[in-house]
Amino acid sequence: MQSDFFQTATKVLTVSELTRSIRGTLETKFGAVWVQGEVSNYKLHPSGHQYFTLKDSRAQIACVIFRNTMAPLRQPLADGAQVQVYGNVSVFEARGQYQLSVQMVQPLGFGVLQAKFEALKRKLEAEGLFDAARKRTLPKFPKRIGIVTSPTGAAIRDMLNVLRRRAPWLQILINPVRVQGSGAAQEIAVAIRELAKPNENFAPVDLIVLTRGGGSMEDLWEFNEEIVARTIADVTVPIVSAIGHEIDFTIADFVADLRAPTPSAAAELIVPDIVDLRRHMDTFARALGR
């Protein structure tokens, strides 16, 4: 029996070697995960790191939130709290203990998409992408605009109806994209850059409108992707967001130079009404005549 042990173990490992091997296996297999459970043994270390145990009725796992990993929680952690955490499985080699390095915490039942939204919102806000000082001024009398949207959606029909009535002189260039589904965020970002950088195919536009109709958070999610937010911030042409209904908010709304509550409202905000312009011109003409 003893000879069998020697045959299966051809090398004697040090504790460090074995622990490092276990760490590599765990971190490679699991990576980042969502886990839910009850907080216990919560401790805030003087260094700023936070330590606690996440448990359920049958098991537990050690967790750590390293200082500066994420913004302060609205409701600080405490023993007994029911939470969902997102983080990476790792091994603390000095103790031979596996743990979860936490990057995000949310109340149980909060929803993964809402948590991702709040995390990116805090990140971009800290970078200054929402600051009013960096917002570009919209032209009062645009002559040519670009619209990034689905060519078959109700949003573009509503916008075109209002724009034709209010500003029949306006030139409109539509850059068609998918507005939901995997990969749509990349299409939206490319379309914005195409309109913002004129080439041999079309002349410069005075502003860009990013729009789609209403839907669930899942439907609107592509407008919450970081690639869209950073593209809006990077280009030089003013951008108006008109996404969903009045109650819907996306990351794109916070970065854009103007947020319109609906696509139709955007059309009313970006151009003057020709009826009002004619009324003002008649008033000025009569004044000149006097």
C-alpha atoms as a PDB file:
ATOM      1  CA  MET A   1       0.000   0.000   0.000  1.00  0.00           C
ATOM      2  CA  GLN A   2       2.830   2.350   0.870  1.00  0.00           C
ATOM      3  CA  SER A   3       4.507   1.720  -2.501  1.00  0.00           C
ATOM      4  CA  ASP A   4       1.347   2.951  -4.253  1.00  0.00           C
ATOM      5  CA  PHE A   5       1.724   6.345  -2.580  1.00  0.00           C
ATOM      6  CA  PHE A   6       5.283   6.655  -3.820  1.00  0.00           C
ATOM      7  CA  GLN A   7       4.252   5.738  -7.363  1.00  0.00           C
ATOM      8  CA  THR A   8       1.532   8.425  -7.607  1.00  0.00           C
ATOM      9  CA  ALA A   9       3.621  11.216  -6.033  1.00  0.00           C
ATOM     10  CA  THR A  10       6.888  11.490  -7.943  1.00  0.00           C
ATOM     11  CA  LYS A  11       7.825  14.911  -6.543  1.00  0.00           C
ATOM     12  CA  VAL A  12       7.718  16.308  -3.042  1.00  0.00           C
ATOM     13  CA  LEU A  13       6.191  19.810  -3.184  1.00  0.00           C
ATOM     14  CA  THR A  14       6.787  22.618  -0.772  1.00  0.00           C
ATOM     15  CA  VAL A  15       3.744  24.144   0.895  1.00  0.00           C
ATOM     16  CA  SER A  16       4.258  27.273  -1.222  1.00  0.00           C
ATOM     17  CA  GLU A  17       4.393  25.286  -4.456  1.00  0.00           C
ATOM     18  CA  LEU A  18       1.229  23.349  -3.669  1.00  0.00           C
ATOM     19  CA  THR A  19      -0.663  26.474  -2.563  1.00  0.00           C
ATOM     20  CA  ARG A  20       0.442  28.388  -5.668  1.00  0.00           C
ATOM     21  CA  SER A  21      -0.722  25.516  -7.859  1.00  0.00           C
ATOM     22  CA  ILE A  22      -4.109  25.458  -6.117  1.00  0.00           C
ATOM     23  CA  ARG A  23      -4.366  29.217  -6.537  1.00  0.00           C
ATOM     24  CA  GLY A  24      -3.670  28.999 -10.250  1.00  0.00           C
ATOM     25  CA  THR A  25      -6.283  26.268 -10.688  1.00  0.00           C
ATOM     26  CA  LEU A  26      -8.984  28.113  -8.753  1.00  0.00           C
ATOM     27  CA  GLU A  27      -8.406  31.511 -10.353  1.00  0.00           C
ATOM     28  CA  THR A  28      -8.303  30.017 -13.848  1.00  0.00           C
ATOM     29  CA  LYS A  29     -11.429  27.875 -13.407  1.00  0.00           C
ATOM     30  CA  PHE A  30     -13.728  30.370 -11.695  1.00  0.00           C
ATOM     31  CA  GLY A  31     -12.509  33.897 -12.492  1.00  0.00           C
ATOM     32  CA  ALA A  32     -15.191  36.509 -11.761  1.00  0.00           C
ATOM     33  CA  VAL A  33     -18.483  35.301 -10.236  1.00  0.00           C
ATOM     34  CA  TRP A  34     -21.692  36.596  -8.622  1.00  0.00           C
ATOM     35  CA  VAL A  35     -22.429  35.106  -5.193  1.00  0.00           C
ATOM     36  CA  GLN A  36     -25.262  35.823  -2.783  1.00  0.00           C
ATOM     37  CA  GLY A  37     -25.536  35.231   0.934  1.00  0.00           C
ATOM     38  CA  GLU A  38     -25.548  36.758   4.408  1.00  0.00           C
ATOM     39  CA  VAL A  39     -22.765  38.989   5.734  1.00  0.00           C
ATOM     40  CA  SER A  40     -21.123  37.969   9.022  1.00  0.00           C
ATOM     41  CA  ASN A  41     -17.923  38.826  10.918  1.00  0.00           C
ATOM     42  CA  TYR A  42     -17.685  42.167   9.132  1.00  0.00           C
ATOM     43  CA  LYS A  43     -14.542  44.159   9.969  1.00  0.00           C
ATOM     44  CA  LEU A  44     -13.205  47.462   8.636  1.00  0.00           C
ATOM     45  CA  HIS A  45      -9.422  47.337   8.942  1.00  0.00           C
ATOM     46  CA  PRO A  46      -7.460  50.540   9.759  1.00  0.00           C
ATOM     47  CA  SER A  47      -5.798  50.158   6.344  1.00  0.00           C
ATOM     48  CA  GLY A  48      -9.180  50.723   4.703  1.00  0.00           C
ATOM     49  CA  HIS A  49      -9.629  47.112   3.579  1.00  0.00           C
ATOM     50  CA  GLN A  50     -12.953  45.471   4.483  1.00  0.00           C
ATOM     51  CA  TYR A  51     -13.183  41.835   5.552  1.00  0.00           C
ATOM     52  CA  PHE A  52     -16.289  39.697   6.040  1.00  0.00           C
ATOM     53  CA  THR A  53     -17.704  36.217   5.605  1.00  0.00           C
ATOM     54  CA  LEU A  54     -20.482  35.474   3.133  1.00  0.00           C
ATOM     55  CA  LYS A  55     -22.545  32.496   4.228  1.00  0.00           C
ATOM     56  CA  ASP A  56     -25.713  30.521   3.680  1.00  0.00           C
ATOM     57  CA  SER A  57     -27.201  27.627   5.651  1.00  0.00           C
ATOM     58  CA  ARG A  58     -24.585  25.111   4.502  1.00  0.00           C
ATOM     59  CA  ALA A  59     -21.324  26.916   3.655  1.00  0.00           C
ATOM     60  CA  GLN A  60     -19.321  30.101   3.885  1.00  0.00           C
ATOM     61  CA  ILE A  61     -16.573  31.939   2.017  1.00  0.00           C
ATOM     62  CA  ALA A  62     -14.157  34.647   3.158  1.00  0.00           C
ATOM     63  CA  CYS A  63     -14.454  37.971   1.325  1.00  0.00           C
ATOM     64  CA  VAL A  64     -12.266  41.067   1.088  1.00  0.00           C
ATOM     65  CA  ILE A  65     -12.877  44.509  -0.394  1.00  0.00           C
ATOM     66  CA  PHE A  66      -9.520  46.147  -0.915  1.00  0.00           C
ATOM     67  CA  ARG A  67      -9.216  49.884  -0.311  1.00  0.00           C
ATOM     68  CA  ASN A  68     -10.099  52.023  -3.374  1.00  0.00           C
ATOM     69  CA  THR A  69     -11.585  49.047  -5.217  1.00  0.00           C
ATOM     70  CA  MET A  70     -15.006  50.690  -5.401  1.00  0.00           C
ATOM     71  CA  ALA A  71     -16.870  53.785  -4.280  1.00  0.00           C
ATOM     72  CA  PRO A  72     -18.307  53.887  -0.725  1.00  0.00           C
ATOM     73  CA  LEU A  73     -21.595  52.037  -0.412  1.00  0.00           C
ATOM     74  CA  ARG A  74     -24.771  54.029   0.154  1.00  0.00           C
ATOM     75  CA  GLN A  75     -25.592  51.645   2.987  1.00  0.00           C
ATOM     76  CA  PRO A  76     -22.463  50.353   4.758  1.00  0.00           C
ATOM     77  CA  LEU A  77     -22.093  46.611   5.182  1.00  0.00           C
ATOM     78  CA  ALA A  78     -23.121  45.081   8.495  1.00  0.00           C
ATOM     79  CA  ASP A  79     -23.582  41.612   9.927  1.00  0.00           C
ATOM     80  CA  GLY A  80     -26.856  40.069   8.857  1.00  0.00           C
ATOM     81  CA  ALA A  81     -27.143  41.982   5.580  1.00  0.00           C
ATOM     82  CA  GLN A  82     -28.402  39.929   2.628  1.00  0.00           C
ATOM     83  CA  VAL A  83     -26.291  40.850  -0.383  1.00  0.00           C
ATOM     84  CA  GLN A  84     -25.055  39.844  -3.812  1.00  0.00           C
ATOM     85  CA  VAL A  85     -21.352  40.349  -4.449  1.00  0.00           C
ATOM     86  CA  TYR A  86     -19.281  40.268  -7.624  1.00  0.00           C
ATOM     87  CA  GLY A  87     -15.607  39.426  -7.506  1.00  0.00           C
ATOM     88  CA  ASN A  88     -12.718  37.148  -8.338  1.00  0.00           C
ATOM     89  CA  VAL A  89     -11.969  33.868  -6.594  1.00  0.00           C
ATOM     90  CA  SER A  90      -8.402  33.913  -5.302  1.00  0.00           C
ATOM     91  CA  VAL A  91      -6.156  32.249  -2.723  1.00  0.00           C
ATOM     92  CA  PHE A  92      -4.501  34.064   0.171  1.00  0.00           C
ATOM     93  CA  GLU A  93      -1.306  32.046   0.104  1.00  0.00           C
ATOM     94  CA  ALA A  94      -0.004  33.126   3.529  1.00  0.00           C
ATOM     95  CA  ARG A  95      -2.942  31.318   5.182  1.00  0.00           C
ATOM     96  CA  GLY A  96      -3.692  28.749   2.510  1.00  0.00           C
ATOM     97  CA  GLN A  97      -7.239  30.162   2.369  1.00  0.00           C
ATOM     98  CA  TYR A  98      -9.390  30.732  -0.700  1.00  0.00           C
ATOM     99  CA  GLN A  99     -11.427  33.928  -0.739  1.00  0.00           C
ATOM    100  CA  LEU A 100     -13.471  36.260  -2.876  1.00  0.00           C
ATOM    101  CA  SER A 101     -11.906  39.596  -3.843  1.00  0.00           C
ATOM    102  CA  VAL A 102     -15.064  41.713  -4.085  1.00  0.00           C
ATOM    103  CA  GLN A 103     -15.463  44.458  -6.700  1.00  0.00           C
ATOM    104  CA  MET A 104     -19.196  45.174  -6.417  1.00  0.00           C
ATOM    105  CA  VAL A 105     -21.854  44.818  -3.711  1.00  0.00           C
ATOM    106  CA  GLN A 106     -25.612  45.193  -4.043  1.00  0.00           C
ATOM    107  CA  PRO A 107     -28.661  44.342  -1.917  1.00  0.00           C
ATOM    108  CA  LEU A 108     -30.143  40.918  -2.579  1.00  0.00           C
ATOM    109  CA  GLY A 109     -32.625  41.115  -5.457  1.00  0.00           C
ATOM    110  CA  PHE A 110     -31.249  44.436  -6.741  1.00  0.00           C
ATOM    111  CA  GLY A 111     -30.543  43.048 -10.208  1.00  0.00           C
ATOM    112  CA  VAL A 112     -27.295  42.546 -12.060  1.00  0.00           C
ATOM    113  CA  LEU A 113     -28.022  45.077 -14.820  1.00  0.00           C
ATOM    114  CA  GLN A 114     -28.916  47.794 -12.325  1.00  0.00           C
ATOM    115  CA  ALA A 115     -25.701  47.097 -10.437  1.00  0.00           C
ATOM    116  CA  LYS A 116     -23.635  47.375 -13.630  1.00  0.00           C
ATOM    117  CA  PHE A 117     -25.429  50.623 -14.465  1.00  0.00           C
ATOM    118  CA  GLU A 118     -24.687  52.157 -11.063  1.00  0.00           C
ATOM    119  CA  ALA A 119     -21.047  51.023 -11.122  1.00  0.00           C
ATOM    120  CA  LEU A 120     -20.353  52.527 -14.571  1.00  0.00           C
ATOM    121  CA  LYS A 121     -22.265  55.681 -13.681  1.00  0.00           C
ATOM    122  CA  ARG A 122     -20.078  56.220 -10.611  1.00  0.00           C
ATOM    123  CA  LYS A 123     -16.919  55.510 -12.602  1.00  0.00           C
ATOM    124  CA  LEU A 124     -17.664  57.932 -15.445  1.00  0.00           C
ATOM    125  CA  GLU A 125     -18.977  60.603 -13.096  1.00  0.00           C
ATOM    126  CA  ALA A 126     -15.709  60.446 -11.135  1.00  0.00           C
ATOM    127  CA  GLU A 127     -13.807  60.929 -14.411  1.00  0.00           C
ATOM    128  CA  GLY A 128     -15.798  64.090 -15.165  1.00  0.00           C
ATOM    129  CA  LEU A 129     -17.715  62.829 -18.204  1.00  0.00           C
ATOM    130  CA  PHE A 130     -20.994  64.177 -16.790  1.00  0.00           C
ATOM    131  CA  ASP A 131     -19.631  67.646 -15.902  1.00  0.00           C
ATOM    132  CA  ALA A 132     -21.583  70.573 -17.314  1.00  0.00           C
ATOM    133  CA  ALA A 133     -18.310  72.375 -18.053  1.00  0.00           C
ATOM    134  CA  ARG A 134     -17.387  69.876 -20.775  1.00  0.00           C
ATOM    135  CA  LYS A 135     -20.790  69.967 -22.484  1.00  0.00           C
ATOM    136  CA  ARG A 136     -20.818  71.426 -25.995  1.00  0.00           C
ATOM    137  CA  THR A 137     -23.217  74.202 -27.003  1.00  0.00           C
ATOM    138  CA  LEU A 138     -25.936  73.260 -29.484  1.00  0.00           C
ATOM    139  CA  PRO A 139     -26.328  75.480 -32.585  1.00  0.00           C
ATOM    140  CA  LYS A 140     -29.456  77.660 -32.533  1.00  0.00           C
ATOM    141  CA  PHE A 141     -30.118  77.274 -36.255  1.00  0.00           C
ATOM    142  CA  PRO A 142     -28.721  73.921 -37.422  1.00  0.00           C
ATOM    143  CA  LYS A 143     -28.747  73.397 -41.183  1.00  0.00           C
ATOM    144  CA  ARG A 144     -27.688  69.756 -41.275  1.00  0.00           C
ATOM    145  CA  ILE A 145     -28.069  67.073 -38.601  1.00  0.00           C
ATOM    146  CA  GLY A 146     -27.146  63.409 -38.293  1.00  0.00           C
ATOM    147  CA  ILE A 147     -29.366  60.825 -36.606  1.00  0.00           C
ATOM    148  CA  VAL A 148     -28.105  57.509 -35.238  1.00  0.00           C
ATOM    149  CA  THR A 149     -31.014  55.101 -34.867  1.00  0.00           C
ATOM    150  CA  SER A 150     -32.843  52.130 -36.299  1.00  0.00           C
ATOM    151  CA  PRO A 151     -34.266  53.079 -39.721  1.00  0.00           C
ATOM    152  CA  THR A 152     -37.434  51.058 -39.089  1.00  0.00           C
ATOM    153  CA  GLY A 153     -38.316  52.165 -35.549  1.00  0.00           C
ATOM    154  CA  ALA A 154     -41.132  54.445 -34.442  1.00  0.00           C
ATOM    155  CA  ALA A 155     -38.609  56.916 -33.008  1.00  0.00           C
ATOM    156  CA  ILE A 156     -37.283  58.032 -36.396  1.00  0.00           C
ATOM    157  CA  ARG A 157     -40.790  58.394 -37.831  1.00  0.00           C
ATOM    158  CA  ASP A 158     -41.855  60.598 -34.934  1.00  0.00           C
ATOM    159  CA  MET A 159     -38.728  62.732 -35.216  1.00  0.00           C
ATOM    160  CA  LEU A 160     -39.000  63.205 -38.974  1.00  0.00           C
ATOM    161  CA  ASN A 161     -42.653  64.258 -38.723  1.00  0.00           C
ATOM    162  CA  VAL A 162     -41.817  66.986 -36.201  1.00  0.00           C
ATOM    163  CA  LEU A 163     -38.646  68.133 -37.987  1.00  0.00           C
ATOM    164  CA  ARG A 164     -40.384  68.462 -41.369  1.00  0.00           C
ATOM    165  CA  ARG A 165     -43.133  70.544 -39.818  1.00  0.00           C
ATOM    166  CA  ARG A 166     -40.863  72.806 -37.755  1.00  0.00           C
ATOM    167  CA  ALA A 167     -37.800  73.110 -40.007  1.00  0.00           C
ATOM    168  CA  PRO A 168     -38.466  72.180 -43.648  1.00  0.00           C
ATOM    169  CA  TRP A 169     -35.061  73.618 -44.645  1.00  0.00           C
ATOM    170  CA  LEU A 170     -33.199  71.080 -42.516  1.00  0.00           C
ATOM    171  CA  GLN A 171     -30.963  68.470 -44.163  1.00  0.00           C
ATOM    172  CA  ILE A 172     -31.122  65.138 -42.333  1.00  0.00           C
ATOM    173  CA  LEU A 173     -28.595  62.312 -42.600  1.00  0.00           C
ATOM    174  CA  ILE A 174     -29.580  58.994 -40.995  1.00  0.00           C
ATOM    175  CA  ASN A 175     -26.839  56.537 -40.064  1.00  0.00           C
ATOM    176  CA  PRO A 176     -28.759  53.267 -39.491  1.00  0.00           C
ATOM    177  CA  VAL A 177     -27.793  50.913 -36.654  1.00  0.00           C
ATOM    178  CA  ARG A 178     -29.235  48.162 -34.503  1.00  0.00           C
ATOM    179  CA  VAL A 179     -30.404  49.688 -31.228  1.00  0.00           C
ATOM    180  CA  GLN A 180     -30.515  46.526 -29.125  1.00  0.00           C
ATOM    181  CA  GLY A 181     -28.907  43.127 -28.956  1.00  0.00           C
ATOM    182  CA  SER A 182     -25.342  41.908 -28.666  1.00  0.00           C
ATOM    183  CA  GLY A 183     -22.907  44.060 -30.644  1.00  0.00           C
ATOM    184  CA  ALA A 184     -25.296  46.986 -31.106  1.00  0.00           C
ATOM    185  CA  ALA A 185     -23.223  49.237 -28.819  1.00  0.00           C
ATOM    186  CA  GLN A 186     -20.225  48.888 -31.119  1.00  0.00           C
ATOM    187  CA  GLU A 187     -22.397  49.759 -34.142  1.00  0.00           C
ATOM    188  CA  ILE A 188     -23.731  52.842 -32.374  1.00  0.00           C
ATOM    189  CA  ALA A 189     -20.226  54.018 -31.452  1.00  0.00           C
ATOM    190  CA  VAL A 190     -18.976  53.567 -35.030  1.00  0.00           C
ATOM    191  CA  ALA A 191     -22.005  55.415 -36.443  1.00  0.00           C
ATOM    192  CA  ILE A 192     -21.433  58.384 -34.135  1.00  0.00           C
ATOM    193  CA  ARG A 193     -17.782  58.634 -35.175  1.00  0.00           C
ATOM    194  CA  GLU A 194     -18.705  58.385 -38.866  1.00  0.00           C
ATOM    195  CA  LEU A 195     -21.098  61.324 -38.590  1.00  0.00           C
ATOM    196  CA  ALA A 196     -18.687  63.355 -36.466  1.00  0.00           C
ATOM    197  CA  LYS A 197     -15.839  62.927 -38.963  1.00  0.00           C
ATOM    198  CA  PRO A 198     -16.907  64.063 -42.457  1.00  0.00           C
ATOM    199  CA  ASN A 199     -15.440  62.307 -45.471  1.00  0.00           C
ATOM    200  CA  GLU A 200     -15.949  62.134 -49.227  1.00  0.00           C
ATOM    201  CA  ASN A 201     -19.394  60.586 -48.748  1.00  0.00           C
ATOM    202  CA  PHE A 202     -21.080  63.399 -46.809  1.00  0.00           C
ATOM    203  CA  ALA A 203     -20.577  66.956 -45.570  1.00  0.00           C
ATOM    204  CA  PRO A 204     -20.181  67.920 -41.894  1.00  0.00           C
ATOM    205  CA  VAL A 205     -23.242  67.917 -39.631  1.00  0.00           C
ATOM    206  CA  ASP A 206     -24.043  70.599 -37.052  1.00  0.00           C
ATOM    207  CA  LEU A 207     -25.223  68.131 -34.419  1.00  0.00           C
ATOM    208  CA  ILE A 208     -25.988  64.449 -33.903  1.00  0.00           C
ATOM    209  CA  VAL A 209     -29.106  62.919 -32.371  1.00  0.00           C
ATOM    210  CA  LEU A 210     -28.902  59.493 -30.742  1.00  0.00           C
ATOM    211  CA  THR A 211     -32.377  58.017 -30.460  1.00  0.00           C
ATOM    212  CA  ARG A 212     -34.602  54.966 -30.098  1.00  0.00           C
ATOM    213  CA  GLY A 213     -38.064  54.187 -28.730  1.00  0.00           C
ATOM    214  CA  GLY A 214     -38.921  52.970 -25.257  1.00  0.00           C
ATOM    215  CA  GLY A 215     -38.367  49.533 -23.773  1.00  0.00           C
ATOM    216  CA  SER A 216     -37.176  47.608 -20.760  1.00  0.00           C
ATOM    217  CA  MET A 217     -33.778  48.087 -19.169  1.00  0.00           C
ATOM    218  CA  GLU A 218     -32.585  45.089 -21.163  1.00  0.00           C
ATOM    219  CA  ASP A 219     -33.874  46.656 -24.394  1.00  0.00           C
ATOM    220  CA  LEU A 220     -32.080  49.949 -23.728  1.00  0.00           C
ATOM    221  CA  TRP A 221     -28.917  48.366 -22.373  1.00  0.00           C
ATOM    222  CA  GLU A 222     -26.678  49.056 -25.389  1.00  0.00           C
ATOM    223  CA  PHE A 223     -26.934  52.772 -24.546  1.00  0.00           C
ATOM    224  CA  ASN A 224     -25.477  51.972 -21.113  1.00  0.00           C
ATOM    225  CA  GLU A 225     -22.292  50.462 -22.536  1.00  0.00           C
ATOM    226  CA  GLU A 226     -18.995  52.227 -21.833  1.00  0.00           C
ATOM    227  CA  ILE A 227     -17.955  52.314 -25.498  1.00  0.00           C
ATOM    228  CA  VAL A 228     -20.997  54.460 -26.358  1.00  0.00           C
ATOM    229  CA  ALA A 229     -20.436  56.828 -23.433  1.00  0.00           C
ATOM    230  CA  ARG A 230     -16.773  57.407 -24.257  1.00  0.00           C
ATOM    231  CA  THR A 231     -17.531  57.934 -27.946  1.00  0.00           C
ATOM    232  CA  ILE A 232     -20.105  60.610 -27.099  1.00  0.00           C
ATOM    233  CA  ALA A 233     -17.540  62.354 -24.915  1.00  0.00           C
ATOM    234  CA  ASP A 234     -14.707  62.087 -27.444  1.00  0.00           C
ATOM    235  CA  VAL A 235     -16.262  63.542 -30.601  1.00  0.00           C
ATOM    236  CA  THR A 236     -16.370  67.291 -31.247  1.00  0.00           C
ATOM    237  CA  VAL A 237     -19.914  67.526 -32.666  1.00  0.00           C
ATOM    238  CA  PRO A 238     -22.677  68.284 -30.110  1.00  0.00           C
ATOM    239  CA  ILE A 239     -24.837  65.250 -29.321  1.00  0.00           C
ATOM    240  CA  VAL A 240     -28.450  65.059 -28.173  1.00  0.00           C
ATOM    241  CA  SER A 241     -29.750  61.845 -26.592  1.00  0.00           C
ATOM    242  CA  ALA A 242     -33.425  60.941 -26.985  1.00  0.00           C
ATOM    243  CA  ILE A 243     -33.704  57.392 -25.746  1.00  0.00           C
ATOM    244  CA  GLY A 244     -36.928  55.760 -24.642  1.00  0.00           C
ATOM    245  CA  HIS A 245     -39.647  57.485 -22.648  1.00  0.00           C
ATOM    246  CA  GLU A 246     -39.428  60.349 -20.180  1.00  0.00           C
ATOM    247  CA  ILE A 247     -38.869  57.973 -17.250  1.00  0.00           C
ATOM    248  CA  ASP A 248     -36.018  56.129 -18.969  1.00  0.00           C
ATOM    249  CA  PHE A 249     -32.439  57.151 -18.195  1.00  0.00           C
ATOM    250  CA  THR A 250     -29.287  55.695 -19.740  1.00  0.00           C
ATOM    251  CA  ILE A 251     -25.574  56.390 -19.325  1.00  0.00           C
ATOM    252  CA  ALA A 252     -25.665  58.031 -22.771  1.00  0.00           C
ATOM    253  CA  ASP A 253     -28.134  60.612 -21.402  1.00  0.00           C
ATOM    254  CA  PHE A 254     -25.689  61.724 -18.710  1.00  0.00           C
ATOM    255  CA  VAL A 255     -22.768  62.107 -21.136  1.00  0.00           C
ATOM    256  CA  ALA A 256     -24.681  63.764 -23.998  1.00  0.00           C
ATOM    257  CA  ASP A 257     -24.735  67.544 -24.335  1.00  0.00           C
ATOM    258  CA  LEU A 258     -28.533  67.570 -24.038  1.00  0.00           C
ATOM    259  CA  ARG A 259     -30.956  64.897 -22.897  1.00  0.00           C
ATOM    260  CA  ALA A 260     -34.437  64.987 -24.458  1.00  0.00           C
ATOM    261  CA  PRO A 261     -37.238  63.078 -22.711  1.00  0.00           C
ATOM    262  CA  THR A 262     -38.541  61.547 -25.974  1.00  0.00           C
ATOM    263  CA  PRO A 263     -37.577  61.472 -29.676  1.00  0.00           C
ATOM    264  CA  SER A 264     -40.373  63.938 -30.532  1.00  0.00           C
ATOM    265  CA  ALA A 265     -39.230  66.292 -27.781  1.00  0.00           C
ATOM    266  CA  ALA A 266     -35.706  66.160 -29.192  1.00  0.00           C
ATOM    267  CA  ALA A 267     -36.992  67.345 -32.552  1.00  0.00           C
ATOM    268  CA  GLU A 268     -38.688  70.292 -30.880  1.00  0.00           C
ATOM    269  CA  LEU A 269     -35.599  71.187 -28.849  1.00  0.00           C
ATOM    270  CA  ILE A 270     -32.977  71.163 -31.610  1.00  0.00           C
ATOM    271  CA  VAL A 271     -34.674  73.368 -34.225  1.00  0.00           C
ATOM    272  CA  PRO A 272     -36.797  76.532 -34.060  1.00  0.00           C
ATOM    273  CA  ASP A 273     -40.371  76.456 -35.352  1.00  0.00           C
ATOM    274  CA  ILE A 274     -40.726  78.042 -38.807  1.00  0.00           C
ATOM    275  CA  VAL A 275     -44.134  79.441 -37.783  1.00  0.00           C
ATOM    276  CA  ASP A 276     -42.521  81.344 -34.901  1.00  0.00           C
ATOM    277  CA  LEU A 277     -39.696  82.522 -37.151  1.00  0.00           C
ATOM    278  CA  ARG A 278     -42.145  83.923 -39.722  1.00  0.00           C
ATOM    279  CA  ARG A 279     -44.111  85.650 -36.973  1.00  0.00           C
ATOM    280  CA  HIS A 280     -40.935  87.314 -35.689  1.00  0.00           C
ATOM    281  CA  MET A 281     -39.926  88.343 -39.213  1.00  0.00           C
ATOM    282  CA  ASP A 282     -43.352  89.914 -39.820  1.00  0.00           C
ATOM    283  CA  THR A 283     -43.020  91.823 -36.550  1.00  0.00           C
ATOM    284  CA  PHE A 284     -39.560  93.093 -37.518  1.00  0.00           C
ATOM    285  CA  ALA A 285     -40.754  94.028 -41.026  1.00  0.00           C
ATOM    286  CA  ARG A 286     -43.608  96.108 -39.611  1.00  0.00           C
ATOM    287  CA  ALA A 287     -41.209  97.773 -37.210  1.00  0.00           C
ATOM    288  CA  LEU A 288     -38.868  98.653 -40.066  1.00  0.00           C
ATOM    289  CA  GLY A 289     -41.799  99.997 -42.089  1.00  0.00           C
ATOM    290  CA  ARG A 290     -42.736 102.352 -39.254  1.00  0.00           C
END
